[in-house]
N, C-alpha and C. Protein backbone atom coordinates (compact mmCIF):
# COMPACT_ATOMS: atom_id res chain seq x y z
N MET A 1 6.01 -6.48 -0.34
CA MET A 1 6.13 -6.16 1.03
C MET A 1 5.03 -7.18 1.69
N GLU A 2 5.88 -7.81 2.93
CA GLU A 2 5.27 -8.50 3.63
C GLU A 2 4.94 -7.86 4.82
N HIS A 3 3.81 -8.36 5.30
CA HIS A 3 3.16 -7.56 6.58
C HIS A 3 3.05 -8.48 7.73
N ALA A 4 3.36 -7.70 8.84
CA ALA A 4 3.13 -8.88 10.16
C ALA A 4 1.84 -9.25 10.07
N SER A 5 1.57 -10.79 10.65
CA SER A 5 0.65 -11.34 10.73
C SER A 5 0.12 -11.42 12.05
N VAL A 6 -1.33 -11.59 11.78
CA VAL A 6 -2.02 -11.74 13.41
C VAL A 6 -2.25 -12.86 13.93
N PRO A 7 -1.95 -13.48 14.76
CA PRO A 7 -2.92 -14.98 15.15
C PRO A 7 -4.43 -14.63 14.76
N GLU A 8 -5.02 -15.28 14.27
CA GLU A 8 -6.61 -15.63 13.80
C GLU A 8 -7.30 -16.02 15.13
N GLU A 9 -8.16 -15.87 15.22
CA GLU A 9 -9.39 -15.97 16.22
C GLU A 9 -10.14 -17.29 15.82
N PRO A 10 -10.22 -18.61 15.96
CA PRO A 10 -10.80 -19.20 15.29
C PRO A 10 -12.36 -19.19 15.08
N GLU A 11 -12.94 -18.34 15.42
CA GLU A 11 -14.47 -18.25 15.29
C GLU A 11 -14.35 -16.87 14.18
N ALA A 12 -13.39 -16.48 14.07
CA ALA A 12 -13.26 -15.04 13.28
C ALA A 12 -12.45 -15.23 11.97
N ALA A 13 -12.08 -16.38 11.72
CA ALA A 13 -11.13 -16.71 10.64
C ALA A 13 -11.71 -16.24 9.02
N GLU A 14 -12.97 -16.48 9.17
CA GLU A 14 -13.73 -16.33 7.78
C GLU A 14 -14.95 -15.30 8.14
N SER A 15 -14.82 -14.17 8.64
CA SER A 15 -15.78 -13.20 9.14
C SER A 15 -16.23 -12.50 7.90
N ALA A 16 -17.41 -12.50 7.69
CA ALA A 16 -17.94 -11.67 6.66
C ALA A 16 -17.63 -12.47 5.25
N GLY A 17 -17.25 -13.68 5.41
CA GLY A 17 -17.02 -14.04 4.20
C GLY A 17 -15.64 -13.72 3.71
N THR A 18 -14.89 -13.50 4.24
CA THR A 18 -13.56 -12.90 4.01
C THR A 18 -12.43 -13.61 5.08
N ASP A 19 -11.53 -14.27 4.42
CA ASP A 19 -10.42 -14.55 4.93
C ASP A 19 -9.39 -13.86 5.85
N CYS A 20 -9.12 -14.13 7.24
CA CYS A 20 -8.30 -13.07 7.86
C CYS A 20 -6.95 -12.73 7.09
N SER A 21 -6.54 -13.72 6.27
CA SER A 21 -5.13 -13.74 5.41
C SER A 21 -5.41 -12.81 4.47
N GLU A 22 -6.46 -12.98 3.63
CA GLU A 22 -6.86 -12.12 2.83
C GLU A 22 -6.82 -10.53 3.06
N ILE A 23 -7.21 -10.20 4.36
CA ILE A 23 -7.86 -8.86 4.76
C ILE A 23 -6.24 -8.45 5.10
N LEU A 24 -5.46 -9.17 6.10
CA LEU A 24 -4.11 -8.54 6.15
C LEU A 24 -3.39 -8.42 4.93
N ASP A 25 -3.40 -9.28 4.13
CA ASP A 25 -2.38 -9.58 2.74
C ASP A 25 -2.74 -7.76 2.04
N HIS A 26 -3.99 -7.51 2.18
CA HIS A 26 -4.70 -6.23 1.35
C HIS A 26 -4.58 -5.17 2.01
N LEU A 27 -4.17 -5.06 3.62
CA LEU A 27 -4.38 -4.06 4.44
C LEU A 27 -4.23 -2.87 4.17
N TYR A 28 -2.78 -2.62 3.22
CA TYR A 28 -2.15 -1.21 2.74
C TYR A 28 -3.27 -0.66 1.78
N GLU A 29 -3.70 -1.95 0.86
CA GLU A 29 -4.67 -1.22 -0.22
C GLU A 29 -5.63 -0.66 0.27
N PHE A 30 -6.31 -1.19 1.22
CA PHE A 30 -7.63 -0.65 1.93
C PHE A 30 -7.44 0.62 2.43
N LEU A 31 -6.31 0.81 3.38
CA LEU A 31 -5.89 2.00 4.03
C LEU A 31 -5.32 3.32 2.92
N ASP A 32 -5.07 2.93 1.85
CA ASP A 32 -4.38 3.98 0.89
C ASP A 32 -5.45 4.11 -0.13
N GLY A 33 -6.71 3.53 -0.13
CA GLY A 33 -7.99 3.67 -0.75
C GLY A 33 -7.76 3.51 -2.13
N GLU A 34 -6.91 2.50 -2.38
CA GLU A 34 -6.64 1.84 -3.45
C GLU A 34 -7.33 0.63 -3.90
N MET A 35 -8.62 0.38 -3.86
CA MET A 35 -9.10 -1.06 -4.25
C MET A 35 -10.67 -0.70 -4.47
N PRO A 36 -11.62 -1.37 -5.20
CA PRO A 36 -12.79 -1.21 -5.36
C PRO A 36 -13.44 -0.92 -4.29
N ASP A 37 -14.62 -0.12 -4.52
CA ASP A 37 -15.69 0.03 -3.32
C ASP A 37 -16.16 -1.19 -2.86
N GLU A 38 -16.57 -2.13 -3.68
CA GLU A 38 -17.08 -3.66 -3.50
C GLU A 38 -16.13 -4.36 -2.80
N ASP A 39 -14.92 -4.42 -2.85
CA ASP A 39 -14.10 -5.00 -1.90
C ASP A 39 -13.78 -4.06 -0.30
N ARG A 40 -13.61 -2.82 -0.60
CA ARG A 40 -13.54 -2.04 0.88
C ARG A 40 -14.55 -2.52 1.42
N GLU A 41 -16.25 -2.76 1.06
CA GLU A 41 -17.32 -3.10 1.84
C GLU A 41 -17.03 -4.56 2.59
N LYS A 42 -16.31 -5.30 1.89
CA LYS A 42 -16.15 -6.77 2.61
C LYS A 42 -15.08 -6.41 4.01
N PHE A 43 -14.20 -5.63 3.48
CA PHE A 43 -13.23 -5.17 4.37
C PHE A 43 -14.02 -4.66 5.83
N ILE A 44 -14.67 -3.98 5.30
CA ILE A 44 -15.68 -2.92 6.75
C ILE A 44 -16.29 -3.98 7.33
N GLU A 45 -17.09 -5.07 6.57
CA GLU A 45 -17.76 -6.18 7.15
C GLU A 45 -17.17 -6.71 8.18
N HIS A 46 -15.74 -7.21 7.59
CA HIS A 46 -15.05 -7.98 8.28
C HIS A 46 -14.59 -7.53 9.45
N PHE A 47 -14.19 -6.00 9.57
CA PHE A 47 -13.77 -5.58 10.69
C PHE A 47 -14.63 -5.29 11.86
N GLU A 48 -15.75 -5.58 11.57
CA GLU A 48 -16.69 -5.69 12.09
C GLU A 48 -17.28 -6.59 13.15
N GLU A 49 -16.71 -8.01 12.44
CA GLU A 49 -16.89 -8.97 13.06
C GLU A 49 -15.42 -9.69 13.59
N CYS A 50 -14.68 -9.16 13.10
CA CYS A 50 -13.15 -9.74 13.59
C CYS A 50 -12.22 -8.72 14.58
N SER A 51 -12.12 -9.05 15.78
CA SER A 51 -11.40 -8.26 16.50
C SER A 51 -10.01 -7.88 16.15
N SER A 52 -9.43 -9.07 15.85
CA SER A 52 -8.01 -9.01 15.48
C SER A 52 -7.85 -8.34 14.24
N CYS A 53 -8.16 -8.79 13.51
CA CYS A 53 -7.98 -7.55 12.05
C CYS A 53 -8.29 -6.44 12.44
N LEU A 54 -9.24 -6.02 13.18
CA LEU A 54 -9.43 -4.34 13.45
C LEU A 54 -8.51 -4.09 14.14
N GLU A 55 -7.88 -5.07 15.20
CA GLU A 55 -6.68 -4.55 16.01
C GLU A 55 -5.60 -4.02 14.91
N GLN A 56 -5.50 -4.96 14.12
CA GLN A 56 -3.86 -5.03 12.97
C GLN A 56 -4.33 -3.83 12.23
N TYR A 57 -5.66 -3.66 11.92
CA TYR A 57 -5.92 -2.49 11.19
C TYR A 57 -5.52 -1.19 11.83
N GLY A 58 -6.05 -0.80 13.10
CA GLY A 58 -5.67 -0.09 13.89
C GLY A 58 -4.14 0.33 14.05
N LEU A 59 -3.24 -0.76 14.49
CA LEU A 59 -2.11 -0.15 14.60
C LEU A 59 -1.23 0.01 13.26
N VAL A 60 -1.64 -0.43 12.03
CA VAL A 60 -0.97 -0.06 10.90
C VAL A 60 -1.55 1.41 10.82
N GLN A 61 -2.59 1.74 10.94
CA GLN A 61 -3.34 2.92 10.37
C GLN A 61 -2.51 4.02 11.40
N GLN A 62 -2.28 3.80 12.57
CA GLN A 62 -1.30 4.52 13.35
C GLN A 62 0.00 4.79 13.22
N VAL A 63 0.63 3.57 12.64
CA VAL A 63 2.04 3.79 12.14
C VAL A 63 2.16 4.54 10.84
N LYS A 64 1.46 4.45 10.23
CA LYS A 64 1.29 5.46 8.94
C LYS A 64 0.88 6.89 9.43
N ARG A 65 0.05 7.20 10.31
CA ARG A 65 -0.01 8.72 10.50
C ARG A 65 1.27 8.89 11.12
N LEU A 66 1.92 8.36 11.82
CA LEU A 66 3.38 8.60 12.56
C LEU A 66 4.51 9.01 11.84
N VAL A 67 4.43 8.12 10.56
CA VAL A 67 5.02 8.38 9.72
C VAL A 67 4.89 9.16 8.87
N ASN A 68 3.80 9.76 8.39
CA ASN A 68 3.37 10.66 8.03
C ASN A 68 3.64 12.21 8.69
N ARG A 69 3.67 12.17 9.84
CA ARG A 69 3.90 13.41 10.57
C ARG A 69 5.26 13.39 10.63
N ALA A 70 5.78 12.62 10.78
CA ALA A 70 7.58 12.66 11.14
C ALA A 70 8.28 12.92 9.68
N CYS A 71 7.49 12.36 8.36
CA CYS A 71 8.30 12.61 7.35
C CYS A 71 7.39 13.54 6.01
N GLY A 72 6.01 13.40 6.26
CA GLY A 72 5.50 14.05 5.22
C GLY A 72 5.39 15.31 4.84
N HIS A 73 6.29 16.08 5.63
CA HIS A 73 6.40 17.48 5.30
C HIS A 73 7.73 17.85 4.35
N ASP A 74 8.26 17.06 3.88
CA ASP A 74 9.44 16.77 2.90
C ASP A 74 8.78 17.15 1.66
N ASP A 75 9.17 18.41 0.80
CA ASP A 75 9.11 18.51 -0.61
C ASP A 75 9.76 17.73 -1.43
N VAL A 76 9.18 17.08 -2.38
CA VAL A 76 9.55 16.64 -3.57
C VAL A 76 10.21 17.26 -4.54
N PRO A 77 11.50 17.19 -4.72
CA PRO A 77 11.94 18.03 -5.96
C PRO A 77 11.23 18.33 -7.32
N ALA A 78 10.86 18.96 -8.06
CA ALA A 78 9.90 18.90 -8.93
C ALA A 78 10.29 18.08 -10.38
N ASP A 79 11.83 18.21 -10.56
CA ASP A 79 12.13 17.37 -11.54
C ASP A 79 12.15 15.81 -11.23
N LEU A 80 12.35 15.46 -9.81
CA LEU A 80 12.05 14.24 -9.52
C LEU A 80 10.40 13.55 -9.74
N ARG A 81 9.63 14.33 -9.60
CA ARG A 81 8.15 13.80 -9.42
C ARG A 81 8.05 13.71 -10.75
N ALA A 82 8.58 14.88 -11.76
CA ALA A 82 8.08 14.94 -13.30
C ALA A 82 8.66 13.33 -13.73
N LYS A 83 9.89 13.18 -13.31
CA LYS A 83 10.58 11.71 -13.82
C LYS A 83 9.75 10.51 -13.45
N VAL A 84 9.43 10.52 -12.27
CA VAL A 84 8.72 9.44 -11.60
C VAL A 84 7.20 9.35 -12.34
N LEU A 85 6.31 10.43 -12.75
CA LEU A 85 4.85 10.32 -13.43
C LEU A 85 5.56 9.95 -14.99
N SER A 86 6.59 10.19 -15.45
CA SER A 86 7.03 10.00 -16.66
C SER A 86 7.32 8.78 -16.74
N ARG A 87 8.08 7.74 -16.01
CA ARG A 87 8.14 6.47 -15.91
C ARG A 87 6.70 5.74 -15.98
N ILE A 88 5.86 6.03 -15.06
CA ILE A 88 4.81 5.45 -14.81
C ILE A 88 3.94 5.50 -15.77
N ASP A 89 3.76 6.99 -16.45
CA ASP A 89 3.00 6.75 -17.95
C ASP A 89 3.37 5.80 -18.73
N LEU A 90 4.64 5.58 -19.20
CA LEU A 90 5.35 4.61 -20.20
C LEU A 90 5.00 3.59 -19.44
N ILE A 91 5.20 2.80 -18.46
CA ILE A 91 4.74 1.72 -17.99
C ILE A 91 3.36 1.34 -18.07
N ARG A 92 2.32 2.69 -17.99
CA ARG A 92 1.14 2.10 -18.18
C ARG A 92 0.45 1.96 -19.44
N SER A 93 1.08 2.90 -20.30
CA SER A 93 1.13 2.64 -21.68
C SER A 93 1.65 1.52 -22.45
N GLY A 94 2.19 0.65 -21.63
CA GLY A 94 2.81 -0.49 -22.33
C GLY A 94 3.77 -0.28 -23.14
N GLN A 95 4.66 0.89 -23.13
CA GLN A 95 5.71 1.14 -23.96
C GLN A 95 7.02 0.77 -23.24
N ALA A 96 7.70 0.61 -24.05
CA ALA A 96 9.03 0.01 -23.10
C ALA A 96 9.89 1.41 -22.84
N VAL A 97 10.52 1.30 -21.28
CA VAL A 97 11.03 2.28 -20.89
C VAL A 97 12.51 2.08 -21.20
N PRO A 98 13.04 3.23 -21.83
CA PRO A 98 14.32 3.34 -22.02
C PRO A 98 15.48 2.84 -21.29
N GLU A 99 16.21 2.03 -21.44
CA GLU A 99 17.15 1.45 -20.56
C GLU A 99 18.15 2.08 -19.91
N HIS A 100 18.42 3.42 -19.95
CA HIS A 100 18.75 4.46 -19.13
C HIS A 100 18.25 4.97 -17.97
N LEU A 101 16.76 4.88 -18.08
CA LEU A 101 16.05 5.21 -17.35
C LEU A 101 15.90 3.95 -16.28
N THR A 102 16.04 2.91 -16.94
CA THR A 102 15.62 1.79 -15.67
C THR A 102 17.08 1.30 -14.93
N ASN A 103 18.17 1.65 -15.27
CA ASN A 103 19.43 1.17 -14.56
C ASN A 103 19.91 2.60 -13.57
N GLN A 104 19.44 3.43 -13.91
CA GLN A 104 19.92 4.62 -12.87
C GLN A 104 19.18 4.45 -11.44
N ASP A 105 19.84 4.95 -10.90
CA ASP A 105 19.38 5.23 -9.60
C ASP A 105 18.92 6.69 -9.19
N VAL A 106 17.94 6.77 -8.24
CA VAL A 106 17.27 8.06 -8.46
C VAL A 106 18.54 9.24 -7.79
N GLY A 107 18.36 9.92 -8.20
CA GLY A 107 18.90 11.08 -8.29
C GLY A 107 20.76 10.92 -8.46
N ALA A 108 20.86 9.58 -9.36
CA ALA A 108 22.60 9.35 -9.88
C ALA A 108 22.39 9.86 -11.16
N THR A 109 23.56 10.40 -11.48
CA THR A 109 24.05 10.85 -12.80
C THR A 109 24.28 9.59 -13.84
N PRO A 110 23.96 9.95 -15.20
CA PRO A 110 24.03 8.92 -16.34
C PRO A 110 25.48 8.09 -16.08
N ASP A 111 26.73 9.14 -15.65
CA ASP A 111 28.03 8.25 -15.56
C ASP A 111 28.35 7.68 -14.25
N SER A 112 27.31 7.55 -13.62
CA SER A 112 27.72 6.66 -12.30
C SER A 112 27.06 5.64 -12.09
């Protein structure tokens, strides 16, 4: 997924030893808590020194909150959740995912 880029401030292009483009490329991982603590620390240090990246972080965080508020209350059908988790387990284990599972659209029947 491509993310909007923010013009870099010349003096902040490598704040805290981390390039702004690296920060912006991995911003969603940071927001979603999907990165190692060591990398999170680099991001926090960068935000302390780079106002452009801090501003972008704040904007993305607000958008995620708005989306969650507007869409976060829909319950996922139990069977869909089970199918998705099953596919994730297959992929993580390195097993081949059966073709009938990879060619189906979500909610589609095998005949469609």
